[in-house]
Amino acid sequence: MLQALLSPAHMAVPASRANTGGLRLYRPPLLLPAPQPPNNSRFPRLRLVPAVRSASGLAFDFKGGRGMSGFLDVELKVRDYELDQYGVVNNAVYASYCQHGRHELLEKIGVKADDVARTGDALALSELTLKFLAPLRSGDRFAVKVRVSDSSAARLYFEHFIFKLPNEEPILEARATAVWLDKNYRPIRIPSEIRSKLVQFLRHEESH
């Protein structure tokens, strides 16, 4: 029916308008569906996020955390190949600086990557956040300060700070999370001997 209405072959043209410049086609009015009340199912539902519980004290007892106040300082120097096209240290390089600091800290605690790998386990970085405060340039000397700030049954939490020497100008703040994994790369509890080494190290730092 609609095709018959729109087709010129089936349209009757009045004689009084036969010589006009064009034909006006009859178009039936567009029928719109009646408005429907909003359907909540069409919109994504907000999911409530549970409050994050502090991991402090889940695996270690440090008398209120006083034993986690000490930082290890590692002094380094900027090398030319670490610069970007703007003549400052490339943003990605700072992750390596932080990793170097964590490596030195863990070795001082008595946790060596080779020893962990021989057991079939791994201590893997699962999260890293960087906050850039000022740039470093070729030849600058700086200090990476790193500490274990918190812990849970399977994770260690690190804080890092980078200061330009000799004036200790703030350059970077960073936080990292490392998780203990088994041979299938699934999180497991930190071994008791590693926890003992960490406790001894932090208590030693607290006493000094």
N, C-alpha and C. Protein backbone atom coordinates (compact mmCIF):
# COMPACT_ATOMS: atom_id res chain seq x y z
N MET A 1 0.82 -1.20 0.00
CA MET A 1 0.00 0.00 0.00
C MET A 1 0.86 1.25 0.00
N LEU A 2 1.90 1.26 0.92
CA LEU A 2 2.78 2.41 0.99
C LEU A 2 3.54 2.61 -0.30
N GLN A 3 3.96 1.51 -0.94
CA GLN A 3 4.68 1.60 -2.22
C GLN A 3 3.79 2.20 -3.30
N ALA A 4 2.50 1.85 -3.27
CA ALA A 4 1.57 2.40 -4.26
C ALA A 4 1.39 3.89 -4.06
N LEU A 5 1.42 4.33 -2.80
CA LEU A 5 1.25 5.75 -2.54
C LEU A 5 2.45 6.55 -3.00
N LEU A 6 3.68 5.99 -2.88
CA LEU A 6 4.89 6.72 -3.20
C LEU A 6 5.31 6.60 -4.65
N SER A 7 4.78 5.66 -5.40
CA SER A 7 5.21 5.44 -6.78
C SER A 7 4.52 6.41 -7.72
N PRO A 8 5.28 7.18 -8.54
CA PRO A 8 4.65 8.13 -9.49
C PRO A 8 3.73 7.45 -10.48
N ALA A 9 3.95 6.21 -10.83
CA ALA A 9 3.14 5.51 -11.83
C ALA A 9 1.73 5.30 -11.33
N HIS A 10 1.52 5.33 -10.03
CA HIS A 10 0.19 5.06 -9.49
C HIS A 10 -0.41 6.31 -8.90
N MET A 11 0.17 7.48 -9.14
CA MET A 11 -0.33 8.70 -8.54
C MET A 11 -1.22 9.44 -9.54
N ALA A 12 -2.40 9.86 -9.11
CA ALA A 12 -3.30 10.66 -9.94
C ALA A 12 -2.97 12.12 -9.77
N VAL A 13 -2.74 12.83 -10.87
CA VAL A 13 -2.35 14.23 -10.84
C VAL A 13 -3.51 15.07 -11.34
N PRO A 14 -4.00 16.02 -10.55
CA PRO A 14 -5.11 16.89 -11.01
C PRO A 14 -4.69 17.66 -12.25
N ALA A 15 -5.70 17.91 -13.16
CA ALA A 15 -5.39 18.59 -14.42
C ALA A 15 -4.90 20.00 -14.17
N SER A 16 -5.44 20.64 -13.09
CA SER A 16 -5.04 22.01 -12.82
C SER A 16 -3.59 22.13 -12.43
N ARG A 17 -2.96 21.03 -12.06
CA ARG A 17 -1.57 21.08 -11.62
C ARG A 17 -0.68 20.27 -12.52
N ALA A 18 -1.20 19.88 -13.69
CA ALA A 18 -0.41 19.00 -14.57
C ALA A 18 0.79 19.70 -15.13
N ASN A 19 0.75 21.02 -15.26
CA ASN A 19 1.85 21.73 -15.89
C ASN A 19 2.77 22.41 -14.87
N THR A 20 2.63 22.10 -13.65
CA THR A 20 3.50 22.71 -12.63
C THR A 20 4.89 22.13 -12.75
N GLY A 21 5.81 22.79 -12.07
CA GLY A 21 7.22 22.41 -12.21
C GLY A 21 7.56 21.07 -11.60
N GLY A 22 6.77 20.55 -10.71
CA GLY A 22 7.13 19.26 -10.09
C GLY A 22 5.93 18.64 -9.43
N LEU A 23 6.10 17.44 -9.01
CA LEU A 23 5.04 16.69 -8.36
C LEU A 23 5.29 16.67 -6.87
N ARG A 24 4.24 16.81 -6.12
CA ARG A 24 4.34 16.67 -4.67
C ARG A 24 3.81 15.30 -4.28
N LEU A 25 4.66 14.53 -3.69
CA LEU A 25 4.28 13.18 -3.30
C LEU A 25 3.59 13.21 -1.95
N TYR A 26 2.62 12.40 -1.86
CA TYR A 26 1.92 12.28 -0.57
C TYR A 26 2.73 11.36 0.34
N ARG A 27 3.10 11.86 1.51
CA ARG A 27 3.83 11.05 2.47
C ARG A 27 2.98 10.89 3.72
N PRO A 28 2.68 9.68 4.06
CA PRO A 28 1.86 9.47 5.26
C PRO A 28 2.60 9.94 6.50
N PRO A 29 1.88 10.42 7.48
CA PRO A 29 2.55 10.89 8.72
C PRO A 29 3.30 9.76 9.39
N LEU A 30 4.48 10.13 9.95
CA LEU A 30 5.31 9.14 10.64
C LEU A 30 4.73 8.90 12.02
N LEU A 31 4.42 7.64 12.26
CA LEU A 31 3.86 7.27 13.55
C LEU A 31 4.98 6.86 14.49
N LEU A 32 5.14 7.59 15.56
CA LEU A 32 6.18 7.28 16.54
C LEU A 32 5.56 6.50 17.69
N PRO A 33 6.30 5.57 18.23
CA PRO A 33 5.77 4.82 19.38
C PRO A 33 5.61 5.74 20.58
N ALA A 34 4.64 5.44 21.37
CA ALA A 34 4.40 6.24 22.57
C ALA A 34 5.60 6.14 23.49
N PRO A 35 5.97 7.25 24.15
CA PRO A 35 7.13 7.21 25.05
C PRO A 35 6.92 6.22 26.17
N GLN A 36 7.99 5.49 26.46
CA GLN A 36 7.94 4.47 27.49
C GLN A 36 8.69 4.96 28.72
N PRO A 37 8.28 4.53 29.88
CA PRO A 37 9.03 4.91 31.10
C PRO A 37 10.42 4.32 31.05
N PRO A 38 11.39 5.00 31.64
CA PRO A 38 12.78 4.50 31.58
C PRO A 38 12.91 3.13 32.18
N ASN A 39 13.66 2.31 31.47
CA ASN A 39 13.89 0.94 31.91
C ASN A 39 15.27 0.86 32.53
N ASN A 40 15.31 0.58 33.81
CA ASN A 40 16.60 0.55 34.49
C ASN A 40 17.55 -0.49 33.94
N SER A 41 17.00 -1.50 33.28
CA SER A 41 17.86 -2.57 32.77
C SER A 41 18.71 -2.10 31.60
N ARG A 42 18.33 -0.93 30.97
CA ARG A 42 19.10 -0.45 29.84
C ARG A 42 20.36 0.28 30.27
N PHE A 43 20.45 0.63 31.54
CA PHE A 43 21.57 1.41 32.01
C PHE A 43 22.46 0.54 32.88
N PRO A 44 23.80 0.75 32.80
CA PRO A 44 24.70 -0.06 33.64
C PRO A 44 24.47 0.22 35.11
N ARG A 45 24.48 -0.82 35.88
CA ARG A 45 24.30 -0.66 37.31
C ARG A 45 25.64 -0.35 37.97
N LEU A 46 25.59 0.56 38.94
CA LEU A 46 26.80 0.90 39.66
C LEU A 46 27.10 -0.21 40.65
N ARG A 47 28.35 -0.66 40.61
CA ARG A 47 28.76 -1.73 41.51
C ARG A 47 29.46 -1.12 42.71
N LEU A 48 29.02 -1.48 43.90
CA LEU A 48 29.63 -0.96 45.10
C LEU A 48 30.99 -1.61 45.29
N VAL A 49 31.98 -0.76 45.53
CA VAL A 49 33.34 -1.26 45.73
C VAL A 49 33.59 -1.37 47.22
N PRO A 50 33.95 -2.55 47.69
CA PRO A 50 34.18 -2.68 49.13
C PRO A 50 35.37 -1.86 49.57
N ALA A 51 35.32 -1.39 50.77
CA ALA A 51 36.42 -0.60 51.31
C ALA A 51 37.68 -1.46 51.40
N VAL A 52 38.80 -0.85 51.08
CA VAL A 52 40.07 -1.56 51.10
C VAL A 52 40.59 -1.58 52.53
N ARG A 53 40.87 -2.76 53.00
CA ARG A 53 41.38 -2.89 54.36
C ARG A 53 42.88 -2.80 54.36
N SER A 54 43.43 -2.09 55.30
CA SER A 54 44.87 -1.94 55.37
C SER A 54 45.53 -3.28 55.55
N ALA A 55 46.65 -3.46 54.85
CA ALA A 55 47.36 -4.73 54.94
C ALA A 55 48.32 -4.77 56.11
N SER A 56 48.42 -3.67 56.85
CA SER A 56 49.39 -3.59 57.93
C SER A 56 49.09 -4.65 58.98
N GLY A 57 50.12 -5.41 59.34
CA GLY A 57 49.98 -6.37 60.41
C GLY A 57 49.41 -7.70 60.00
N LEU A 58 49.10 -7.90 58.71
CA LEU A 58 48.53 -9.18 58.29
C LEU A 58 49.56 -10.30 58.33
N ALA A 59 50.81 -9.96 58.05
CA ALA A 59 51.82 -11.00 58.02
C ALA A 59 52.95 -10.76 59.01
N PHE A 60 53.16 -9.51 59.41
CA PHE A 60 54.27 -9.18 60.29
C PHE A 60 53.78 -8.34 61.46
N ASP A 61 54.46 -8.47 62.57
CA ASP A 61 54.12 -7.68 63.74
C ASP A 61 55.29 -6.76 64.05
N PHE A 62 55.11 -5.46 63.79
CA PHE A 62 56.21 -4.52 63.93
C PHE A 62 55.95 -3.45 64.97
N LYS A 63 55.14 -3.75 65.99
CA LYS A 63 54.88 -2.79 67.06
C LYS A 63 54.36 -1.47 66.50
N GLY A 64 53.28 -1.56 65.76
CA GLY A 64 52.67 -0.35 65.24
C GLY A 64 53.33 0.18 64.00
N GLY A 65 54.24 -0.58 63.39
CA GLY A 65 54.84 -0.17 62.13
C GLY A 65 56.10 0.66 62.29
N ARG A 66 56.59 0.88 63.53
CA ARG A 66 57.78 1.70 63.70
C ARG A 66 59.00 1.07 63.04
N GLY A 67 58.96 -0.27 62.89
CA GLY A 67 60.10 -0.95 62.29
C GLY A 67 60.22 -0.75 60.80
N MET A 68 59.24 -0.09 60.16
CA MET A 68 59.26 0.10 58.71
C MET A 68 59.58 1.54 58.33
N SER A 69 60.26 2.25 59.20
CA SER A 69 60.51 3.66 58.95
C SER A 69 61.83 3.92 58.23
N GLY A 70 62.73 2.95 58.19
CA GLY A 70 64.06 3.17 57.63
C GLY A 70 64.10 2.97 56.13
N PHE A 71 64.87 3.83 55.45
CA PHE A 71 65.06 3.74 54.00
C PHE A 71 66.49 3.30 53.71
N LEU A 72 66.63 2.55 52.63
CA LEU A 72 67.95 2.24 52.08
C LEU A 72 68.26 3.26 51.00
N ASP A 73 69.44 3.87 51.04
CA ASP A 73 69.85 4.86 50.05
C ASP A 73 70.81 4.22 49.05
N VAL A 74 70.51 4.42 47.77
CA VAL A 74 71.37 3.94 46.69
C VAL A 74 71.69 5.13 45.80
N GLU A 75 72.99 5.47 45.69
CA GLU A 75 73.39 6.61 44.87
C GLU A 75 73.73 6.16 43.45
N LEU A 76 73.23 6.92 42.47
CA LEU A 76 73.44 6.60 41.06
C LEU A 76 73.77 7.89 40.30
N LYS A 77 74.12 7.71 39.03
CA LYS A 77 74.44 8.84 38.17
C LYS A 77 73.76 8.64 36.82
N VAL A 78 73.20 9.73 36.27
CA VAL A 78 72.51 9.66 34.98
C VAL A 78 73.52 9.42 33.86
N ARG A 79 73.17 8.49 32.98
CA ARG A 79 74.01 8.18 31.82
C ARG A 79 73.37 8.73 30.55
N ASP A 80 74.22 9.03 29.58
CA ASP A 80 73.73 9.73 28.38
C ASP A 80 72.63 8.96 27.66
N TYR A 81 72.74 7.62 27.60
CA TYR A 81 71.76 6.86 26.82
C TYR A 81 70.41 6.76 27.53
N GLU A 82 70.30 7.31 28.73
CA GLU A 82 69.02 7.30 29.43
C GLU A 82 68.18 8.54 29.12
N LEU A 83 68.71 9.43 28.29
CA LEU A 83 68.00 10.68 27.99
C LEU A 83 67.05 10.51 26.81
N ASP A 84 66.04 11.37 26.76
CA ASP A 84 65.14 11.39 25.61
C ASP A 84 65.51 12.55 24.69
N GLN A 85 64.66 12.84 23.72
CA GLN A 85 64.98 13.87 22.73
C GLN A 85 64.97 15.27 23.32
N TYR A 86 64.47 15.40 24.56
CA TYR A 86 64.43 16.72 25.19
C TYR A 86 65.62 16.95 26.13
N GLY A 87 66.52 15.98 26.19
CA GLY A 87 67.71 16.14 27.00
C GLY A 87 67.53 15.83 28.47
N VAL A 88 66.42 15.18 28.84
CA VAL A 88 66.17 14.77 30.22
C VAL A 88 65.98 13.25 30.27
N VAL A 89 66.04 12.71 31.46
CA VAL A 89 65.89 11.26 31.61
C VAL A 89 64.50 10.84 31.15
N ASN A 90 64.44 9.81 30.30
CA ASN A 90 63.17 9.29 29.81
C ASN A 90 62.33 8.76 30.97
N ASN A 91 61.03 8.99 30.89
CA ASN A 91 60.14 8.59 31.98
C ASN A 91 60.26 7.11 32.33
N ALA A 92 60.42 6.27 31.31
CA ALA A 92 60.47 4.83 31.55
C ALA A 92 61.70 4.42 32.34
N VAL A 93 62.76 5.21 32.28
CA VAL A 93 64.01 4.86 32.95
C VAL A 93 63.84 4.89 34.47
N TYR A 94 62.94 5.73 34.95
CA TYR A 94 62.76 5.84 36.40
C TYR A 94 62.27 4.52 37.01
N ALA A 95 61.54 3.74 36.24
CA ALA A 95 61.12 2.43 36.73
C ALA A 95 62.34 1.54 36.98
N SER A 96 63.35 1.66 36.13
CA SER A 96 64.59 0.90 36.33
C SER A 96 65.33 1.38 37.57
N TYR A 97 65.35 2.69 37.79
CA TYR A 97 65.98 3.21 39.00
C TYR A 97 65.31 2.62 40.25
N CYS A 98 63.98 2.59 40.25
CA CYS A 98 63.25 2.03 41.39
C CYS A 98 63.54 0.54 41.55
N GLN A 99 63.59 -0.17 40.44
CA GLN A 99 63.88 -1.60 40.50
C GLN A 99 65.27 -1.84 41.08
N HIS A 100 66.23 -1.01 40.68
CA HIS A 100 67.58 -1.15 41.22
C HIS A 100 67.57 -0.96 42.74
N GLY A 101 66.82 0.03 43.20
CA GLY A 101 66.73 0.23 44.64
C GLY A 101 66.09 -0.94 45.36
N ARG A 102 65.02 -1.50 44.81
CA ARG A 102 64.38 -2.67 45.44
C ARG A 102 65.32 -3.86 45.45
N HIS A 103 66.06 -4.04 44.36
CA HIS A 103 67.01 -5.16 44.29
C HIS A 103 68.06 -5.05 45.40
N GLU A 104 68.60 -3.85 45.58
CA GLU A 104 69.61 -3.67 46.62
C GLU A 104 69.01 -3.86 48.01
N LEU A 105 67.78 -3.39 48.21
CA LEU A 105 67.14 -3.55 49.51
C LEU A 105 66.90 -5.02 49.83
N LEU A 106 66.36 -5.76 48.87
CA LEU A 106 66.09 -7.18 49.11
C LEU A 106 67.36 -7.97 49.37
N GLU A 107 68.44 -7.61 48.67
CA GLU A 107 69.71 -8.31 48.93
C GLU A 107 70.21 -8.01 50.34
N LYS A 108 70.03 -6.78 50.79
CA LYS A 108 70.45 -6.44 52.15
C LYS A 108 69.61 -7.19 53.17
N ILE A 109 68.34 -7.40 52.87
CA ILE A 109 67.48 -8.18 53.76
C ILE A 109 67.89 -9.64 53.78
N GLY A 110 68.47 -10.10 52.66
CA GLY A 110 68.87 -11.50 52.55
C GLY A 110 68.03 -12.29 51.58
N VAL A 111 67.31 -11.57 50.72
CA VAL A 111 66.45 -12.21 49.70
C VAL A 111 67.09 -11.96 48.34
N LYS A 112 67.65 -13.01 47.74
CA LYS A 112 68.30 -12.89 46.45
C LYS A 112 67.43 -13.50 45.36
N ALA A 113 67.35 -12.83 44.23
CA ALA A 113 66.48 -13.29 43.15
C ALA A 113 66.88 -14.68 42.66
N ASP A 114 68.17 -14.95 42.58
CA ASP A 114 68.61 -16.27 42.12
C ASP A 114 68.17 -17.37 43.07
N ASP A 115 68.26 -17.10 44.37
CA ASP A 115 67.85 -18.12 45.35
C ASP A 115 66.34 -18.37 45.26
N VAL A 116 65.57 -17.31 45.06
CA VAL A 116 64.13 -17.48 44.94
C VAL A 116 63.79 -18.28 43.68
N ALA A 117 64.47 -17.98 42.57
CA ALA A 117 64.19 -18.67 41.31
C ALA A 117 64.52 -20.16 41.41
N ARG A 118 65.55 -20.49 42.16
CA ARG A 118 65.92 -21.91 42.28
C ARG A 118 64.86 -22.72 43.02
N THR A 119 64.05 -22.08 43.82
CA THR A 119 62.98 -22.80 44.51
C THR A 119 61.77 -23.03 43.61
N GLY A 120 61.76 -22.36 42.45
CA GLY A 120 60.60 -22.44 41.56
C GLY A 120 59.61 -21.33 41.78
N ASP A 121 59.82 -20.51 42.83
CA ASP A 121 58.93 -19.39 43.10
C ASP A 121 59.44 -18.14 42.39
N ALA A 122 58.69 -17.05 42.56
CA ALA A 122 59.09 -15.77 41.98
C ALA A 122 58.50 -14.66 42.82
N LEU A 123 59.24 -13.56 42.90
CA LEU A 123 58.72 -12.33 43.50
C LEU A 123 58.55 -11.34 42.37
N ALA A 124 57.30 -11.15 41.95
CA ALA A 124 57.02 -10.39 40.72
C ALA A 124 56.35 -9.06 41.05
N LEU A 125 56.70 -8.07 40.27
CA LEU A 125 56.08 -6.75 40.41
C LEU A 125 54.68 -6.80 39.81
N SER A 126 53.69 -6.42 40.58
CA SER A 126 52.30 -6.44 40.09
C SER A 126 51.73 -5.04 39.90
N GLU A 127 52.37 -4.04 40.51
CA GLU A 127 51.85 -2.68 40.36
C GLU A 127 52.97 -1.69 40.62
N LEU A 128 52.97 -0.60 39.84
CA LEU A 128 53.96 0.45 40.01
C LEU A 128 53.34 1.78 39.61
N THR A 129 53.38 2.75 40.50
CA THR A 129 52.88 4.09 40.21
C THR A 129 54.01 5.08 40.41
N LEU A 130 54.14 6.02 39.48
CA LEU A 130 55.21 7.00 39.51
C LEU A 130 54.61 8.41 39.50
N LYS A 131 55.17 9.28 40.30
CA LYS A 131 54.79 10.69 40.32
C LYS A 131 56.05 11.51 40.06
N PHE A 132 56.07 12.18 38.90
CA PHE A 132 57.25 12.93 38.48
C PHE A 132 57.17 14.35 39.03
N LEU A 133 58.24 14.78 39.67
CA LEU A 133 58.29 16.10 40.29
C LEU A 133 59.23 17.06 39.58
N ALA A 134 60.36 16.56 39.10
CA ALA A 134 61.35 17.39 38.42
C ALA A 134 62.22 16.48 37.56
N PRO A 135 62.87 17.01 36.51
CA PRO A 135 63.67 16.16 35.63
C PRO A 135 65.10 15.97 36.12
N LEU A 136 65.72 14.90 35.61
CA LEU A 136 67.16 14.68 35.77
C LEU A 136 67.81 14.80 34.40
N ARG A 137 69.06 15.26 34.38
CA ARG A 137 69.80 15.45 33.13
C ARG A 137 71.12 14.70 33.18
N SER A 138 71.79 14.66 32.05
CA SER A 138 73.04 13.91 31.93
C SER A 138 74.04 14.36 32.98
N GLY A 139 74.63 13.37 33.65
CA GLY A 139 75.66 13.66 34.65
C GLY A 139 75.13 13.94 36.03
N ASP A 140 73.82 14.12 36.20
CA ASP A 140 73.26 14.39 37.53
C ASP A 140 73.48 13.19 38.45
N ARG A 141 73.86 13.47 39.66
CA ARG A 141 73.93 12.43 40.69
C ARG A 141 72.65 12.49 41.51
N PHE A 142 72.17 11.32 41.89
CA PHE A 142 70.91 11.27 42.63
C PHE A 142 70.90 10.06 43.55
N ALA A 143 69.98 10.08 44.49
CA ALA A 143 69.83 8.99 45.46
C ALA A 143 68.44 8.40 45.34
N VAL A 144 68.38 7.07 45.29
CA VAL A 144 67.11 6.35 45.35
C VAL A 144 66.93 5.85 46.78
N LYS A 145 65.88 6.29 47.41
CA LYS A 145 65.55 5.85 48.77
C LYS A 145 64.38 4.89 48.68
N VAL A 146 64.51 3.72 49.26
CA VAL A 146 63.47 2.69 49.15
C VAL A 146 63.30 1.98 50.48
N ARG A 147 62.09 1.59 50.76
CA ARG A 147 61.81 0.83 51.98
C ARG A 147 60.61 -0.08 51.74
N VAL A 148 60.46 -1.09 52.59
CA VAL A 148 59.24 -1.89 52.66
C VAL A 148 58.29 -1.15 53.58
N SER A 149 57.20 -0.67 53.03
CA SER A 149 56.28 0.16 53.80
C SER A 149 55.13 -0.62 54.41
N ASP A 150 54.83 -1.79 53.85
CA ASP A 150 53.70 -2.56 54.34
C ASP A 150 53.78 -3.97 53.78
N SER A 151 52.86 -4.83 54.22
CA SER A 151 52.89 -6.23 53.77
C SER A 151 51.54 -6.87 53.97
N SER A 152 51.33 -7.95 53.24
CA SER A 152 50.18 -8.82 53.45
C SER A 152 50.70 -10.25 53.40
N ALA A 153 49.81 -11.22 53.38
CA ALA A 153 50.26 -12.61 53.40
C ALA A 153 51.10 -12.96 52.18
N ALA A 154 50.79 -12.38 51.01
CA ALA A 154 51.48 -12.75 49.78
C ALA A 154 52.17 -11.58 49.10
N ARG A 155 52.10 -10.38 49.67
CA ARG A 155 52.60 -9.19 48.97
C ARG A 155 53.48 -8.33 49.86
N LEU A 156 54.41 -7.67 49.20
CA LEU A 156 55.23 -6.65 49.84
C LEU A 156 54.96 -5.31 49.15
N TYR A 157 54.88 -4.26 49.93
CA TYR A 157 54.61 -2.93 49.40
C TYR A 157 55.83 -2.03 49.64
N PHE A 158 56.25 -1.35 48.58
CA PHE A 158 57.47 -0.56 48.62
C PHE A 158 57.14 0.92 48.39
N GLU A 159 57.93 1.77 49.02
CA GLU A 159 57.91 3.20 48.75
C GLU A 159 59.28 3.62 48.25
N HIS A 160 59.30 4.48 47.25
CA HIS A 160 60.55 4.97 46.67
C HIS A 160 60.51 6.50 46.61
N PHE A 161 61.69 7.08 46.80
CA PHE A 161 61.86 8.52 46.60
C PHE A 161 63.21 8.72 45.91
N ILE A 162 63.23 9.62 44.95
CA ILE A 162 64.48 9.96 44.27
C ILE A 162 64.76 11.44 44.52
N PHE A 163 65.98 11.71 44.97
CA PHE A 163 66.41 13.07 45.26
C PHE A 163 67.68 13.37 44.46
N LYS A 164 67.72 14.55 43.89
CA LYS A 164 68.93 15.00 43.19
C LYS A 164 69.94 15.50 44.21
N LEU A 165 71.20 15.07 44.02
CA LEU A 165 72.28 15.46 44.92
C LEU A 165 73.05 16.64 44.33
N PRO A 166 73.67 17.45 45.16
CA PRO A 166 73.81 17.29 46.63
C PRO A 166 72.72 17.98 47.43
N ASN A 167 71.81 18.70 46.78
CA ASN A 167 70.84 19.52 47.51
C ASN A 167 69.58 18.76 47.89
N GLU A 168 69.50 17.48 47.50
CA GLU A 168 68.34 16.64 47.79
C GLU A 168 67.04 17.26 47.25
N GLU A 169 67.10 17.71 46.01
CA GLU A 169 65.91 18.22 45.34
C GLU A 169 64.98 17.05 45.01
N PRO A 170 63.70 17.10 45.39
CA PRO A 170 62.78 15.99 45.09
C PRO A 170 62.59 15.82 43.58
N ILE A 171 62.76 14.59 43.11
CA ILE A 171 62.63 14.28 41.69
C ILE A 171 61.45 13.36 41.41
N LEU A 172 61.25 12.36 42.27
CA LEU A 172 60.23 11.34 41.98
C LEU A 172 59.72 10.73 43.27
N GLU A 173 58.42 10.37 43.25
CA GLU A 173 57.82 9.54 44.28
C GLU A 173 57.21 8.32 43.59
N ALA A 174 57.35 7.15 44.19
CA ALA A 174 56.83 5.94 43.55
C ALA A 174 56.39 4.93 44.61
N ARG A 175 55.39 4.15 44.23
CA ARG A 175 54.91 3.04 45.07
C ARG A 175 54.85 1.78 44.21
N ALA A 176 55.20 0.67 44.83
CA ALA A 176 55.21 -0.60 44.09
C ALA A 176 54.66 -1.71 44.96
N THR A 177 54.08 -2.70 44.29
CA THR A 177 53.59 -3.90 44.96
C THR A 177 54.24 -5.11 44.31
N ALA A 178 54.82 -5.97 45.12
CA ALA A 178 55.42 -7.21 44.63
C ALA A 178 54.69 -8.39 45.26
N VAL A 179 54.38 -9.39 44.45
CA VAL A 179 53.60 -10.53 44.92
C VAL A 179 54.44 -11.81 44.79
N TRP A 180 54.32 -12.67 45.78
CA TRP A 180 55.04 -13.95 45.76
C TRP A 180 54.23 -14.96 44.97
N LEU A 181 54.87 -15.59 43.98
CA LEU A 181 54.18 -16.52 43.08
C LEU A 181 54.80 -17.90 43.15
N ASP A 182 53.97 -18.92 42.91
CA ASP A 182 54.50 -20.28 42.81
C ASP A 182 54.91 -20.57 41.37
N LYS A 183 55.27 -21.82 41.09
CA LYS A 183 55.76 -22.17 39.75
C LYS A 183 54.69 -22.03 38.68
N ASN A 184 53.42 -21.98 39.09
CA ASN A 184 52.33 -21.77 38.14
C ASN A 184 51.91 -20.30 38.07
N TYR A 185 52.70 -19.43 38.66
CA TYR A 185 52.46 -17.99 38.66
C TYR A 185 51.15 -17.62 39.35
N ARG A 186 50.89 -18.33 40.44
CA ARG A 186 49.73 -18.01 41.26
C ARG A 186 50.21 -17.49 42.61
N PRO A 187 49.53 -16.47 43.15
CA PRO A 187 49.97 -15.91 44.44
C PRO A 187 49.91 -16.95 45.56
N ILE A 188 50.95 -16.97 46.37
CA ILE A 188 51.02 -17.84 47.54
C ILE A 188 51.56 -17.04 48.71
N ARG A 189 51.48 -17.61 49.88
CA ARG A 189 51.98 -16.95 51.08
C ARG A 189 53.50 -16.81 51.00
N ILE A 190 53.98 -15.70 51.50
CA ILE A 190 55.43 -15.51 51.56
C ILE A 190 56.02 -16.57 52.48
N PRO A 191 57.06 -17.28 52.05
CA PRO A 191 57.64 -18.34 52.89
C PRO A 191 58.06 -17.82 54.26
N SER A 192 57.95 -18.68 55.25
CA SER A 192 58.23 -18.27 56.62
C SER A 192 59.67 -17.81 56.80
N GLU A 193 60.63 -18.43 56.08
CA GLU A 193 62.02 -18.01 56.24
C GLU A 193 62.25 -16.61 55.69
N ILE A 194 61.51 -16.24 54.64
CA ILE A 194 61.62 -14.89 54.09
C ILE A 194 61.00 -13.89 55.05
N ARG A 195 59.87 -14.25 55.65
CA ARG A 195 59.25 -13.37 56.64
C ARG A 195 60.18 -13.15 57.83
N SER A 196 60.86 -14.19 58.24
CA SER A 196 61.78 -14.06 59.37
C SER A 196 62.93 -13.11 59.04
N LYS A 197 63.48 -13.22 57.83
CA LYS A 197 64.57 -12.32 57.43
C LYS A 197 64.10 -10.87 57.41
N LEU A 198 62.89 -10.66 56.91
CA LEU A 198 62.36 -9.31 56.83
C LEU A 198 62.13 -8.73 58.22
N VAL A 199 61.59 -9.54 59.13
CA VAL A 199 61.36 -9.09 60.49
C VAL A 199 62.68 -8.73 61.16
N GLN A 200 63.69 -9.57 61.00
CA GLN A 200 64.98 -9.30 61.61
C GLN A 200 65.60 -8.02 61.06
N PHE A 201 65.48 -7.82 59.76
CA PHE A 201 66.05 -6.63 59.14
C PHE A 201 65.37 -5.36 59.65
N LEU A 202 64.04 -5.38 59.68
CA LEU A 202 63.31 -4.19 60.10
C LEU A 202 63.50 -3.89 61.58
N ARG A 203 63.61 -4.91 62.39
CA ARG A 203 63.87 -4.68 63.81
C ARG A 203 65.28 -4.14 64.02
N HIS A 204 66.21 -4.59 63.20
CA HIS A 204 67.57 -4.07 63.27
C HIS A 204 67.58 -2.59 62.89
N GLU A 205 66.85 -2.25 61.81
CA GLU A 205 66.80 -0.86 61.40
C GLU A 205 66.12 0.01 62.45
N GLU A 206 65.13 -0.54 63.12
CA GLU A 206 64.42 0.22 64.15
C GLU A 206 65.32 0.52 65.33
N SER A 207 66.18 -0.42 65.67
CA SER A 207 67.07 -0.25 66.83
C SER A 207 68.19 0.72 66.56
N HIS A 208 68.42 1.07 65.29
CA HIS A 208 69.49 2.02 64.95
C HIS A 208 68.87 3.35 64.54
